[in-house]
Amino acid sequence: MSSPVGLHRVLAPHGVLPQAARSLDTAPDIADDEVRVRVERLNLDAASFRQLHTAHGGDGDAVRAAVLDIIKNCGKMHNPVTGSGGMLIGTVDAVGPRSPLGLRPGDRIATLVSLTLTPLAIADELARWDGHSEQVPTSGHAILFARSVAAVLPDDLAPELALAVLDVCGAPALTTRVVAQHRDHGGQPTVAVIGGAGKSGSLALAAARRAGAARTLGVVPSAAERDRLTAADVADDVALADARDPVALAHAVERHLGRPADVTVVCVDVPGCEHGAILATANGGTVIFFSMATSFPAAALGAEGLAADVTMLIGNGYVPGHADLALTLLRDVPGIRALFAARLAAEAAG
């Protein structure tokens, strides 16, 4: 008997959901409400890739071996250090007669659920991946459940570009919602995005501007990122600060916005940025932690210790309409497309 959330695929420990499981059943035969996908490319979560790259000293072969070992042992891509995975693109291979996802064999799709809960089997030992980029060309199969989420890839975008955008499409959607909520309560909020030159950060900045933010600020750690984000023109201002230095970050935000931000979005892929984001946010404001490197105990205890009256949100990767919103921003905002294209070109060049 299949479960719409994939309980029947859990091998150990029994009684938990697939995301919390140590290992999943990757058998290719599907239940009546499942979908099998022929995998073409994985997109590793940024925090996960950074952790693996750092842990193995930048040795691509060692990173590849580590990822392959995780997938073989767990039946999914679930980094045990960061707890994160990523997502994938592929072609629908088979659809159970009771699947509610609306997919058909032959559809090229991106899965919009984490690889940490997606049964995944690799057939090529990741032989075509050099271990130096978040995107992993590969072959194999994956299983989607009745409660999974997927999007058919658009015809007008290269698959690699669409994958990069859809990997973080929850960030602009949630930013849009939060900005709209602040506007509903009487004003145009200021928005600071920590890590504004990255994938999720740049999309969050564009979304905040489109949603009616009074002023947007991108915060980046280096002059090179500052110059790229300034040239992209997706933020009203750009600040240079180390997000791991709480006082410096708060001072940078206040210096550029004139006061703490009403909404702060954390999109960096390194740990230790919780206290700075809280300190940079006005009382009554909102902090969105859209990073798998976030320590939520550190955030909660930090807010308490700072007597900060802020609402803190976990950046849920699912918001209704998130894929369409992110792809629309990519198509409509030239600076977003330029940032994503440059990132993909840099990864391709190693």
C-alpha atoms as a PDB file:
ATOM      1  CA  MET A   1       0.000   0.000   0.000  1.00  0.00           C
ATOM      2  CA  SER A   2       1.586   3.265  -1.097  1.00  0.00           C
ATOM      3  CA  SER A   3       1.597   6.464   0.928  1.00  0.00           C
ATOM      4  CA  PRO A   4       1.138   9.877  -0.736  1.00  0.00           C
ATOM      5  CA  VAL A   5       4.068  11.207   1.313  1.00  0.00           C
ATOM      6  CA  GLY A   6       6.312   8.223   0.582  1.00  0.00           C
ATOM      7  CA  LEU A   7       6.228   6.293   3.843  1.00  0.00           C
ATOM      8  CA  HIS A   8       6.332   3.019   1.900  1.00  0.00           C
ATOM      9  CA  ARG A   9       9.760   3.972   0.533  1.00  0.00           C
ATOM     10  CA  VAL A  10      11.362   4.412   3.973  1.00  0.00           C
ATOM     11  CA  LEU A  11      13.776   1.593   4.801  1.00  0.00           C
ATOM     12  CA  ALA A  12      15.153   2.899   8.103  1.00  0.00           C
ATOM     13  CA  PRO A  13      14.143   3.958  10.615  1.00  0.00           C
ATOM     14  CA  HIS A  14      10.507   2.943  10.247  1.00  0.00           C
ATOM     15  CA  GLY A  15       7.794   5.429  11.138  1.00  0.00           C
ATOM     16  CA  VAL A  16       9.509   8.592   9.886  1.00  0.00           C
ATOM     17  CA  LEU A  17       8.925  10.627   6.752  1.00  0.00           C
ATOM     18  CA  PRO A  18      11.366  10.209   3.827  1.00  0.00           C
ATOM     19  CA  GLN A  19      13.223  13.423   4.635  1.00  0.00           C
ATOM     20  CA  ALA A  20      14.066  12.181   8.138  1.00  0.00           C
ATOM     21  CA  ALA A  21      14.936   8.662   7.011  1.00  0.00           C
ATOM     22  CA  ARG A  22      18.490   7.305   6.888  1.00  0.00           C
ATOM     23  CA  SER A  23      17.755   5.271   3.780  1.00  0.00           C
ATOM     24  CA  LEU A  24      15.087   5.006   1.100  1.00  0.00           C
ATOM     25  CA  ASP A  25      13.969   2.286  -1.299  1.00  0.00           C
ATOM     26  CA  THR A  26      14.946   3.300  -4.840  1.00  0.00           C
ATOM     27  CA  ALA A  27      13.345   0.364  -6.670  1.00  0.00           C
ATOM     28  CA  PRO A  28      12.311   1.530 -10.165  1.00  0.00           C
ATOM     29  CA  ASP A  29       8.886  -0.161 -10.094  1.00  0.00           C
ATOM     30  CA  ILE A  30       6.352   2.529  -9.211  1.00  0.00           C
ATOM     31  CA  ALA A  31       3.164   2.487  -7.168  1.00  0.00           C
ATOM     32  CA  ASP A  32      -0.131   3.637  -8.662  1.00  0.00           C
ATOM     33  CA  ASP A  33       0.372   7.217  -7.425  1.00  0.00           C
ATOM     34  CA  GLU A  34       4.122   7.570  -8.110  1.00  0.00           C
ATOM     35  CA  VAL A  35       6.138   8.990 -10.997  1.00  0.00           C
ATOM     36  CA  ARG A  36       9.532   7.726 -12.176  1.00  0.00           C
ATOM     37  CA  VAL A  37      11.924  10.299 -13.625  1.00  0.00           C
ATOM     38  CA  ARG A  38      14.934   9.601 -15.823  1.00  0.00           C
ATOM     39  CA  VAL A  39      17.523  11.877 -14.218  1.00  0.00           C
ATOM     40  CA  GLU A  40      19.652  14.221 -16.333  1.00  0.00           C
ATOM     41  CA  ARG A  41      21.169  16.682 -13.860  1.00  0.00           C
ATOM     42  CA  LEU A  42      21.281  17.335 -10.132  1.00  0.00           C
ATOM     43  CA  ASN A  43      21.584  20.778  -8.587  1.00  0.00           C
ATOM     44  CA  LEU A  44      23.227  20.521  -5.171  1.00  0.00           C
ATOM     45  CA  ASP A  45      22.099  22.920  -2.486  1.00  0.00           C
ATOM     46  CA  ALA A  46      24.633  25.769  -2.177  1.00  0.00           C
ATOM     47  CA  ALA A  47      25.306  25.200   1.527  1.00  0.00           C
ATOM     48  CA  SER A  48      25.785  21.482   0.932  1.00  0.00           C
ATOM     49  CA  PHE A  49      28.175  21.982  -1.965  1.00  0.00           C
ATOM     50  CA  ARG A  50      30.210  24.573  -0.049  1.00  0.00           C
ATOM     51  CA  GLN A  51      30.502  22.232   2.945  1.00  0.00           C
ATOM     52  CA  LEU A  52      31.616  19.307   0.793  1.00  0.00           C
ATOM     53  CA  HIS A  53      34.040  21.434  -1.208  1.00  0.00           C
ATOM     54  CA  THR A  54      35.572  22.847   1.988  1.00  0.00           C
ATOM     55  CA  ALA A  55      35.698  19.516   3.814  1.00  0.00           C
ATOM     56  CA  HIS A  56      37.632  17.941   0.924  1.00  0.00           C
ATOM     57  CA  GLY A  57      39.984  20.861   0.336  1.00  0.00           C
ATOM     58  CA  GLY A  58      38.580  21.621  -3.097  1.00  0.00           C
ATOM     59  CA  ASP A  59      39.505  18.153  -4.423  1.00  0.00           C
ATOM     60  CA  GLY A  60      36.854  17.527  -7.067  1.00  0.00           C
ATOM     61  CA  ASP A  61      37.434  13.779  -7.162  1.00  0.00           C
ATOM     62  CA  ALA A  62      36.943  13.564  -3.396  1.00  0.00           C
ATOM     63  CA  VAL A  63      33.781  15.677  -3.571  1.00  0.00           C
ATOM     64  CA  ARG A  64      32.398  13.439  -6.326  1.00  0.00           C
ATOM     65  CA  ALA A  65      33.191  10.321  -4.310  1.00  0.00           C
ATOM     66  CA  ALA A  66      31.523  11.793  -1.215  1.00  0.00           C
ATOM     67  CA  VAL A  67      28.320  12.668  -3.076  1.00  0.00           C
ATOM     68  CA  LEU A  68      28.200   9.258  -4.726  1.00  0.00           C
ATOM     69  CA  ASP A  69      28.716   7.580  -1.359  1.00  0.00           C
ATOM     70  CA  ILE A  70      25.841   9.543   0.192  1.00  0.00           C
ATOM     71  CA  ILE A  71      23.469   8.640  -2.636  1.00  0.00           C
ATOM     72  CA  LYS A  72      24.403   4.955  -2.631  1.00  0.00           C
ATOM     73  CA  ASN A  73      24.132   4.594   1.145  1.00  0.00           C
ATOM     74  CA  CYS A  74      20.984   6.703   1.658  1.00  0.00           C
ATOM     75  CA  GLY A  75      19.071   6.171  -1.571  1.00  0.00           C
ATOM     76  CA  LYS A  76      18.828   9.966  -1.793  1.00  0.00           C
ATOM     77  CA  MET A  77      21.135  13.005  -1.733  1.00  0.00           C
ATOM     78  CA  HIS A  78      21.091  14.097   1.918  1.00  0.00           C
ATOM     79  CA  ASN A  79      24.240  15.815   3.191  1.00  0.00           C
ATOM     80  CA  PRO A  80      24.598  14.609   6.810  1.00  0.00           C
ATOM     81  CA  VAL A  81      26.406  17.796   7.880  1.00  0.00           C
ATOM     82  CA  THR A  82      24.118  20.478   6.424  1.00  0.00           C
ATOM     83  CA  GLY A  83      20.966  18.334   6.317  1.00  0.00           C
ATOM     84  CA  SER A  84      20.278  19.639   2.805  1.00  0.00           C
ATOM     85  CA  GLY A  85      20.276  18.196  -0.693  1.00  0.00           C
ATOM     86  CA  GLY A  86      19.134  20.121  -3.767  1.00  0.00           C
ATOM     87  CA  MET A  87      16.863  19.207  -6.667  1.00  0.00           C
ATOM     88  CA  LEU A  88      17.042  17.707 -10.164  1.00  0.00           C
ATOM     89  CA  ILE A  89      15.879  17.867 -13.748  1.00  0.00           C
ATOM     90  CA  GLY A  90      14.978  14.914 -15.908  1.00  0.00           C
ATOM     91  CA  THR A  91      12.397  13.357 -18.174  1.00  0.00           C
ATOM     92  CA  VAL A  92       9.263  11.633 -16.935  1.00  0.00           C
ATOM     93  CA  ASP A  93       9.668   7.939 -17.639  1.00  0.00           C
ATOM     94  CA  ALA A  94       6.519   6.416 -16.143  1.00  0.00           C
ATOM     95  CA  VAL A  95       3.380   7.718 -14.422  1.00  0.00           C
ATOM     96  CA  GLY A  96       1.135   5.724 -12.117  1.00  0.00           C
ATOM     97  CA  PRO A  97      -2.579   5.825 -13.026  1.00  0.00           C
ATOM     98  CA  ARG A  98      -3.479   7.544  -9.743  1.00  0.00           C
ATOM     99  CA  SER A  99      -0.708  10.157  -9.741  1.00  0.00           C
ATOM    100  CA  PRO A 100      -2.171  13.640  -9.089  1.00  0.00           C
ATOM    101  CA  LEU A 101       0.848  15.551 -10.421  1.00  0.00           C
ATOM    102  CA  GLY A 102      -0.494  16.034 -13.946  1.00  0.00           C
ATOM    103  CA  LEU A 103       2.704  14.769 -15.578  1.00  0.00           C
ATOM    104  CA  ARG A 104       3.008  12.653 -18.721  1.00  0.00           C
ATOM    105  CA  PRO A 105       5.782  10.386 -20.014  1.00  0.00           C
ATOM    106  CA  GLY A 106       8.202  12.497 -22.026  1.00  0.00           C
ATOM    107  CA  ASP A 107       7.721  15.688 -19.997  1.00  0.00           C
ATOM    108  CA  ARG A 108      11.038  17.357 -19.105  1.00  0.00           C
ATOM    109  CA  ILE A 109      10.674  18.533 -15.542  1.00  0.00           C
ATOM    110  CA  ALA A 110      12.407  20.044 -12.553  1.00  0.00           C
ATOM    111  CA  THR A 111      11.557  18.561  -9.190  1.00  0.00           C
ATOM    112  CA  LEU A 112      10.606  21.286  -6.735  1.00  0.00           C
ATOM    113  CA  VAL A 113      11.065  19.109  -3.674  1.00  0.00           C
ATOM    114  CA  SER A 114      14.364  18.442  -1.941  1.00  0.00           C
ATOM    115  CA  LEU A 115      16.666  15.605  -2.870  1.00  0.00           C
ATOM    116  CA  THR A 116      16.734  14.840   0.869  1.00  0.00           C
ATOM    117  CA  LEU A 117      13.350  13.141   0.476  1.00  0.00           C
ATOM    118  CA  THR A 118      13.523  11.960  -3.152  1.00  0.00           C
ATOM    119  CA  PRO A 119      14.456   8.309  -3.813  1.00  0.00           C
ATOM    120  CA  LEU A 120      17.432   8.543  -6.153  1.00  0.00           C
ATOM    121  CA  ALA A 121      19.593   5.914  -7.881  1.00  0.00           C
ATOM    122  CA  ILE A 122      22.652   6.850  -9.949  1.00  0.00           C
ATOM    123  CA  ALA A 123      23.697   4.670 -12.890  1.00  0.00           C
ATOM    124  CA  ASP A 124      26.898   6.326 -14.144  1.00  0.00           C
ATOM    125  CA  GLU A 125      29.036   6.803 -10.988  1.00  0.00           C
ATOM    126  CA  LEU A 126      28.806  10.596 -11.637  1.00  0.00           C
ATOM    127  CA  ALA A 127      31.527  10.067 -14.255  1.00  0.00           C
ATOM    128  CA  ARG A 128      30.730  13.278 -16.167  1.00  0.00           C
ATOM    129  CA  TRP A 129      30.999  15.562 -13.108  1.00  0.00           C
ATOM    130  CA  ASP A 130      34.310  17.110 -12.047  1.00  0.00           C
ATOM    131  CA  GLY A 131      33.151  17.866  -8.498  1.00  0.00           C
ATOM    132  CA  HIS A 132      33.702  21.612  -8.892  1.00  0.00           C
ATOM    133  CA  SER A 133      30.175  22.909  -9.490  1.00  0.00           C
ATOM    134  CA  GLU A 134      26.732  22.712  -7.921  1.00  0.00           C
ATOM    135  CA  GLN A 135      25.234  21.274 -11.117  1.00  0.00           C
ATOM    136  CA  VAL A 136      25.916  17.576 -11.602  1.00  0.00           C
ATOM    137  CA  PRO A 137      25.331  15.919 -14.996  1.00  0.00           C
ATOM    138  CA  THR A 138      24.386  12.306 -14.421  1.00  0.00           C
ATOM    139  CA  SER A 139      22.018   9.480 -15.318  1.00  0.00           C
ATOM    140  CA  GLY A 140      19.786   7.312 -13.203  1.00  0.00           C
ATOM    141  CA  HIS A 141      16.250   7.473 -11.908  1.00  0.00           C
ATOM    142  CA  ALA A 142      14.261   9.217  -9.185  1.00  0.00           C
ATOM    143  CA  ILE A 143      10.806   8.666  -7.708  1.00  0.00           C
ATOM    144  CA  LEU A 144       8.175  11.327  -7.025  1.00  0.00           C
ATOM    145  CA  PHE A 145       5.304  10.779  -4.591  1.00  0.00           C
ATOM    146  CA  ALA A 146       1.711  11.960  -4.790  1.00  0.00           C
ATOM    147  CA  ARG A 147       2.580  14.899  -2.511  1.00  0.00           C
ATOM    148  CA  SER A 148       5.717  15.846  -4.487  1.00  0.00           C
ATOM    149  CA  VAL A 149       5.947  19.027  -6.549  1.00  0.00           C
ATOM    150  CA  ALA A 150       7.403  19.360 -10.054  1.00  0.00           C
ATOM    151  CA  ALA A 151       7.394  21.887 -12.900  1.00  0.00           C
ATOM    152  CA  VAL A 152       7.583  21.231 -16.621  1.00  0.00           C
ATOM    153  CA  LEU A 153      10.713  22.955 -17.978  1.00  0.00           C
ATOM    154  CA  PRO A 154      10.001  25.980 -20.206  1.00  0.00           C
ATOM    155  CA  ASP A 155      10.911  25.712 -23.877  1.00  0.00           C
ATOM    156  CA  ASP A 156      12.506  29.168 -24.032  1.00  0.00           C
ATOM    157  CA  LEU A 157      15.243  28.592 -21.436  1.00  0.00           C
ATOM    158  CA  ALA A 158      18.289  26.354 -21.396  1.00  0.00           C
ATOM    159  CA  PRO A 159      17.775  23.490 -18.936  1.00  0.00           C
ATOM    160  CA  GLU A 160      20.825  24.515 -16.883  1.00  0.00           C
ATOM    161  CA  LEU A 161      19.460  28.054 -16.531  1.00  0.00           C
ATOM    162  CA  ALA A 162      15.965  26.898 -15.638  1.00  0.00           C
ATOM    163  CA  LEU A 163      17.390  24.468 -13.081  1.00  0.00           C
ATOM    164  CA  ALA A 164      19.434  27.192 -11.398  1.00  0.00           C
ATOM    165  CA  VAL A 165      16.377  29.438 -11.091  1.00  0.00           C
ATOM    166  CA  LEU A 166      13.907  26.785  -9.989  1.00  0.00           C
ATOM    167  CA  ASP A 167      16.353  25.561  -7.344  1.00  0.00           C
ATOM    168  CA  VAL A 168      15.729  28.770  -5.368  1.00  0.00           C
ATOM    169  CA  CYS A 169      12.265  29.785  -6.550  1.00  0.00           C
ATOM    170  CA  GLY A 170      10.863  29.739  -3.017  1.00  0.00           C
ATOM    171  CA  ALA A 171      12.959  32.788  -2.058  1.00  0.00           C
ATOM    172  CA  PRO A 172      11.351  35.415  -4.334  1.00  0.00           C
ATOM    173  CA  ALA A 173       7.877  34.010  -3.694  1.00  0.00           C
ATOM    174  CA  LEU A 174       8.182  34.195   0.094  1.00  0.00           C
ATOM    175  CA  THR A 175       9.829  37.631  -0.116  1.00  0.00           C
ATOM    176  CA  THR A 176       6.899  38.839  -2.220  1.00  0.00           C
ATOM    177  CA  ARG A 177       4.420  37.538   0.357  1.00  0.00           C
ATOM    178  CA  VAL A 178       6.209  39.144   3.316  1.00  0.00           C
ATOM    179  CA  VAL A 179       6.603  42.522   1.599  1.00  0.00           C
ATOM    180  CA  ALA A 180       2.897  42.452   0.701  1.00  0.00           C
ATOM    181  CA  GLN A 181       1.995  41.660   4.316  1.00  0.00           C
ATOM    182  CA  HIS A 182       3.997  44.626   5.568  1.00  0.00           C
ATOM    183  CA  ARG A 183       2.310  46.865   3.021  1.00  0.00           C
ATOM    184  CA  ASP A 184      -1.081  45.587   4.138  1.00  0.00           C
ATOM    185  CA  HIS A 185      -0.238  46.792   7.643  1.00  0.00           C
ATOM    186  CA  GLY A 186       0.386  50.364   6.674  1.00  0.00           C
ATOM    187  CA  GLY A 187       3.497  51.135   4.711  1.00  0.00           C
ATOM    188  CA  GLN A 188       6.227  50.382   2.231  1.00  0.00           C
ATOM    189  CA  PRO A 189       8.928  48.330   3.941  1.00  0.00           C
ATOM    190  CA  THR A 190      12.648  48.608   3.427  1.00  0.00           C
ATOM    191  CA  VAL A 191      14.252  45.289   2.492  1.00  0.00           C
ATOM    192  CA  ALA A 192      17.833  44.124   3.044  1.00  0.00           C
ATOM    193  CA  VAL A 193      18.997  40.906   1.393  1.00  0.00           C
ATOM    194  CA  ILE A 194      22.112  39.348   2.871  1.00  0.00           C
ATOM    195  CA  GLY A 195      23.931  37.554   0.083  1.00  0.00           C
ATOM    196  CA  GLY A 196      22.227  39.681  -2.553  1.00  0.00           C
ATOM    197  CA  ALA A 197      24.475  38.690  -5.458  1.00  0.00           C
ATOM    198  CA  GLY A 198      23.692  34.978  -5.221  1.00  0.00           C
ATOM    199  CA  LYS A 199      20.902  33.045  -6.884  1.00  0.00           C
ATOM    200  CA  SER A 200      18.250  33.289  -4.192  1.00  0.00           C
ATOM    201  CA  GLY A 201      19.443  36.722  -3.057  1.00  0.00           C
ATOM    202  CA  SER A 202      19.239  38.430  -6.433  1.00  0.00           C
ATOM    203  CA  LEU A 203      15.788  36.961  -7.089  1.00  0.00           C
ATOM    204  CA  ALA A 204      14.633  38.088  -3.620  1.00  0.00           C
ATOM    205  CA  LEU A 205      15.824  41.634  -4.354  1.00  0.00           C
ATOM    206  CA  ALA A 206      13.994  41.739  -7.684  1.00  0.00           C
ATOM    207  CA  ALA A 207      10.867  40.323  -6.064  1.00  0.00           C
ATOM    208  CA  ALA A 208      10.959  42.862  -3.224  1.00  0.00           C
ATOM    209  CA  ARG A 209      11.212  45.746  -5.667  1.00  0.00           C
ATOM    210  CA  ARG A 210       8.358  44.383  -7.773  1.00  0.00           C
ATOM    211  CA  ALA A 211       6.215  43.824  -4.654  1.00  0.00           C
ATOM    212  CA  GLY A 212       6.473  47.506  -3.713  1.00  0.00           C
ATOM    213  CA  ALA A 213       9.321  47.782  -1.225  1.00  0.00           C
ATOM    214  CA  ALA A 214      10.224  51.379  -0.430  1.00  0.00           C
ATOM    215  CA  ARG A 215      13.939  50.674  -0.793  1.00  0.00           C
ATOM    216  CA  THR A 216      16.013  47.559  -1.378  1.00  0.00           C
ATOM    217  CA  LEU A 217      19.562  46.894  -0.232  1.00  0.00           C
ATOM    218  CA  GLY A 218      21.808  44.036  -1.265  1.00  0.00           C
ATOM    219  CA  VAL A 219      24.578  43.111   1.173  1.00  0.00           C
ATOM    220  CA  VAL A 220      27.633  41.277  -0.194  1.00  0.00           C
ATOM    221  CA  PRO A 221      31.029  40.279   1.247  1.00  0.00           C
ATOM    222  CA  SER A 222      33.394  41.344  -1.537  1.00  0.00           C
ATOM    223  CA  ALA A 223      34.045  44.202  -3.913  1.00  0.00           C
ATOM    224  CA  ALA A 224      33.678  41.867  -6.902  1.00  0.00           C
ATOM    225  CA  GLU A 225      30.163  40.853  -5.819  1.00  0.00           C
ATOM    226  CA  ARG A 226      29.325  44.483  -5.077  1.00  0.00           C
ATOM    227  CA  ASP A 227      30.322  45.464  -8.595  1.00  0.00           C
ATOM    228  CA  ARG A 228      28.333  42.601 -10.174  1.00  0.00           C
ATOM    229  CA  LEU A 229      25.208  43.387  -8.181  1.00  0.00           C
ATOM    230  CA  THR A 230      25.500  47.114  -8.846  1.00  0.00           C
ATOM    231  CA  ALA A 231      25.825  46.473 -12.589  1.00  0.00           C
ATOM    232  CA  ALA A 232      22.769  44.196 -12.525  1.00  0.00           C
ATOM    233  CA  ASP A 233      20.634  47.033 -11.111  1.00  0.00           C
ATOM    234  CA  VAL A 234      18.291  44.754  -9.150  1.00  0.00           C
ATOM    235  CA  ALA A 235      18.793  46.651  -5.859  1.00  0.00           C
ATOM    236  CA  ASP A 236      18.482  50.333  -5.017  1.00  0.00           C
ATOM    237  CA  ASP A 237      21.773  50.188  -3.116  1.00  0.00           C
ATOM    238  CA  VAL A 238      24.561  47.712  -2.381  1.00  0.00           C
ATOM    239  CA  ALA A 239      26.522  47.445   0.887  1.00  0.00           C
ATOM    240  CA  LEU A 240      29.796  45.683   1.586  1.00  0.00           C
ATOM    241  CA  ALA A 241      29.847  43.750   4.883  1.00  0.00           C
ATOM    242  CA  ASP A 242      30.725  40.374   6.394  1.00  0.00           C
ATOM    243  CA  ALA A 243      27.403  38.845   7.441  1.00  0.00           C
ATOM    244  CA  ARG A 244      29.195  36.870  10.178  1.00  0.00           C
ATOM    245  CA  ASP A 245      30.115  40.135  11.964  1.00  0.00           C
ATOM    246  CA  PRO A 246      26.829  41.184  13.635  1.00  0.00           C
ATOM    247  CA  VAL A 247      27.817  44.739  14.506  1.00  0.00           C
ATOM    248  CA  ALA A 248      29.421  45.474  11.145  1.00  0.00           C
ATOM    249  CA  LEU A 249      26.425  44.057   9.291  1.00  0.00           C
ATOM    250  CA  ALA A 250      23.918  46.074  11.333  1.00  0.00           C
ATOM    251  CA  HIS A 251      25.964  49.261  10.868  1.00  0.00           C
ATOM    252  CA  ALA A 252      26.185  48.706   7.116  1.00  0.00           C
ATOM    253  CA  VAL A 253      22.415  48.238   6.799  1.00  0.00           C
ATOM    254  CA  GLU A 254      21.637  51.307   8.918  1.00  0.00           C
ATOM    255  CA  ARG A 255      24.206  53.405   7.055  1.00  0.00           C
ATOM    256  CA  HIS A 256      22.675  52.616   3.675  1.00  0.00           C
ATOM    257  CA  LEU A 257      18.980  52.524   4.623  1.00  0.00           C
ATOM    258  CA  GLY A 258      19.086  55.184   7.334  1.00  0.00           C
ATOM    259  CA  ARG A 259      17.634  52.745   9.862  1.00  0.00           C
ATOM    260  CA  PRO A 260      17.306  48.984  10.400  1.00  0.00           C
ATOM    261  CA  ALA A 261      15.496  47.092   7.668  1.00  0.00           C
ATOM    262  CA  ASP A 262      11.821  46.223   7.977  1.00  0.00           C
ATOM    263  CA  VAL A 263      12.465  42.941   6.177  1.00  0.00           C
ATOM    264  CA  THR A 264      15.787  41.109   6.158  1.00  0.00           C
ATOM    265  CA  VAL A 265      16.294  38.089   3.903  1.00  0.00           C
ATOM    266  CA  VAL A 266      19.269  35.823   4.653  1.00  0.00           C
ATOM    267  CA  CYS A 267      20.500  34.043   1.527  1.00  0.00           C
ATOM    268  CA  VAL A 268      24.131  33.283   2.377  1.00  0.00           C
ATOM    269  CA  ASP A 269      25.447  29.728   2.354  1.00  0.00           C
ATOM    270  CA  VAL A 270      27.802  30.047   5.345  1.00  0.00           C
ATOM    271  CA  PRO A 271      26.935  29.596   9.047  1.00  0.00           C
ATOM    272  CA  GLY A 272      27.065  32.303  11.692  1.00  0.00           C
ATOM    273  CA  CYS A 273      24.897  34.999  10.108  1.00  0.00           C
ATOM    274  CA  GLU A 274      21.862  34.746  12.401  1.00  0.00           C
ATOM    275  CA  HIS A 275      22.723  37.428  14.961  1.00  0.00           C
ATOM    276  CA  GLY A 276      23.720  40.024  12.392  1.00  0.00           C
ATOM    277  CA  ALA A 277      20.466  39.590  10.486  1.00  0.00           C
ATOM    278  CA  ILE A 278      18.457  40.019  13.691  1.00  0.00           C
ATOM    279  CA  LEU A 279      20.454  43.077  14.758  1.00  0.00           C
ATOM    280  CA  ALA A 280      19.969  44.648  11.318  1.00  0.00           C
ATOM    281  CA  THR A 281      16.163  44.313  11.503  1.00  0.00           C
ATOM    282  CA  ALA A 282      13.809  46.880  13.048  1.00  0.00           C
ATOM    283  CA  ASN A 283      11.524  45.991  15.946  1.00  0.00           C
ATOM    284  CA  GLY A 284       8.301  44.712  14.465  1.00  0.00           C
ATOM    285  CA  GLY A 285      10.177  43.601  11.362  1.00  0.00           C
ATOM    286  CA  THR A 286      10.632  40.198   9.742  1.00  0.00           C
ATOM    287  CA  VAL A 287      13.716  38.059   9.174  1.00  0.00           C
ATOM    288  CA  ILE A 288      13.502  35.339   6.526  1.00  0.00           C
ATOM    289  CA  PHE A 289      16.223  32.718   6.901  1.00  0.00           C
ATOM    290  CA  PHE A 290      16.457  31.316   3.402  1.00  0.00           C
ATOM    291  CA  SER A 291      19.677  29.390   3.927  1.00  0.00           C
ATOM    292  CA  MET A 292      20.360  25.782   4.850  1.00  0.00           C
ATOM    293  CA  ALA A 293      23.419  27.024   6.784  1.00  0.00           C
ATOM    294  CA  THR A 294      21.159  28.683   9.363  1.00  0.00           C
ATOM    295  CA  SER A 295      21.226  27.482  12.965  1.00  0.00           C
ATOM    296  CA  PHE A 296      17.686  27.949  14.152  1.00  0.00           C
ATOM    297  CA  PRO A 297      18.618  27.574  17.868  1.00  0.00           C
ATOM    298  CA  ALA A 298      21.182  30.352  17.349  1.00  0.00           C
ATOM    299  CA  ALA A 299      18.513  32.510  15.721  1.00  0.00           C
ATOM    300  CA  ALA A 300      15.931  31.941  18.440  1.00  0.00           C
ATOM    301  CA  LEU A 301      18.317  32.396  21.344  1.00  0.00           C
ATOM    302  CA  GLY A 302      20.011  35.322  19.643  1.00  0.00           C
ATOM    303  CA  ALA A 303      16.744  37.192  19.214  1.00  0.00           C
ATOM    304  CA  GLU A 304      15.918  36.568  22.850  1.00  0.00           C
ATOM    305  CA  GLY A 305      19.332  37.754  24.004  1.00  0.00           C
ATOM    306  CA  LEU A 306      19.096  40.917  21.931  1.00  0.00           C
ATOM    307  CA  ALA A 307      15.529  41.623  23.126  1.00  0.00           C
ATOM    308  CA  ALA A 308      14.619  41.802  19.439  1.00  0.00           C
ATOM    309  CA  ASP A 309      10.901  41.948  18.679  1.00  0.00           C
ATOM    310  CA  VAL A 310      11.132  40.403  15.220  1.00  0.00           C
ATOM    311  CA  THR A 311       9.216  37.705  13.420  1.00  0.00           C
ATOM    312  CA  MET A 312      11.546  34.981  12.156  1.00  0.00           C
ATOM    313  CA  LEU A 313      10.525  32.746   9.287  1.00  0.00           C
ATOM    314  CA  ILE A 314      12.056  29.562   7.970  1.00  0.00           C
ATOM    315  CA  GLY A 315      12.419  29.952   4.220  1.00  0.00           C
ATOM    316  CA  ASN A 316       9.958  27.314   3.081  1.00  0.00           C
ATOM    317  CA  GLY A 317      10.965  26.284  -0.410  1.00  0.00           C
ATOM    318  CA  TYR A 318       7.330  25.869  -1.391  1.00  0.00           C
ATOM    319  CA  VAL A 319       4.958  28.756  -1.985  1.00  0.00           C
ATOM    320  CA  PRO A 320       2.068  28.365  -4.445  1.00  0.00           C
ATOM    321  CA  GLY A 321       3.082  29.827  -7.820  1.00  0.00           C
ATOM    322  CA  HIS A 322       6.757  30.045  -6.879  1.00  0.00           C
ATOM    323  CA  ALA A 323       8.123  28.525 -10.090  1.00  0.00           C
ATOM    324  CA  ASP A 324       6.183  30.822 -12.412  1.00  0.00           C
ATOM    325  CA  LEU A 325       7.110  33.902 -10.364  1.00  0.00           C
ATOM    326  CA  ALA A 326      10.833  33.127 -10.433  1.00  0.00           C
ATOM    327  CA  LEU A 327      10.866  32.357 -14.163  1.00  0.00           C
ATOM    328  CA  THR A 328       8.941  35.572 -14.843  1.00  0.00           C
ATOM    329  CA  LEU A 329      11.560  37.585 -12.954  1.00  0.00           C
ATOM    330  CA  LEU A 330      14.307  35.898 -14.974  1.00  0.00           C
ATOM    331  CA  ARG A 331      12.576  36.795 -18.227  1.00  0.00           C
ATOM    332  CA  ASP A 332      11.570  40.343 -17.231  1.00  0.00           C
ATOM    333  CA  VAL A 333      14.629  41.614 -15.346  1.00  0.00           C
ATOM    334  CA  PRO A 334      17.757  41.738 -17.531  1.00  0.00           C
ATOM    335  CA  GLY A 335      20.056  42.019 -14.506  1.00  0.00           C
ATOM    336  CA  ILE A 336      18.782  38.755 -13.057  1.00  0.00           C
ATOM    337  CA  ARG A 337      19.412  36.902 -16.285  1.00  0.00           C
ATOM    338  CA  ALA A 338      22.898  38.423 -16.515  1.00  0.00           C
ATOM    339  CA  LEU A 339      23.781  37.330 -12.969  1.00  0.00           C
ATOM    340  CA  PHE A 340      22.583  33.770 -13.530  1.00  0.00           C
ATOM    341  CA  ALA A 341      24.301  33.498 -16.921  1.00  0.00           C
ATOM    342  CA  ALA A 342      27.583  34.738 -15.462  1.00  0.00           C
ATOM    343  CA  ARG A 343      27.374  32.271 -12.592  1.00  0.00           C
ATOM    344  CA  LEU A 344      26.738  29.333 -14.935  1.00  0.00           C
ATOM    345  CA  ALA A 345      29.575  30.444 -17.215  1.00  0.00           C
ATOM    346  CA  ALA A 346      31.966  30.648 -14.257  1.00  0.00           C
ATOM    347  CA  GLU A 347      30.981  27.154 -13.112  1.00  0.00           C
ATOM    348  CA  ALA A 348      31.445  25.791 -16.624  1.00  0.00           C
ATOM    349  CA  ALA A 349      34.922  27.342 -16.732  1.00  0.00           C
ATOM    350  CA  GLY A 350      35.798  25.722 -13.411  1.00  0.00           C
END
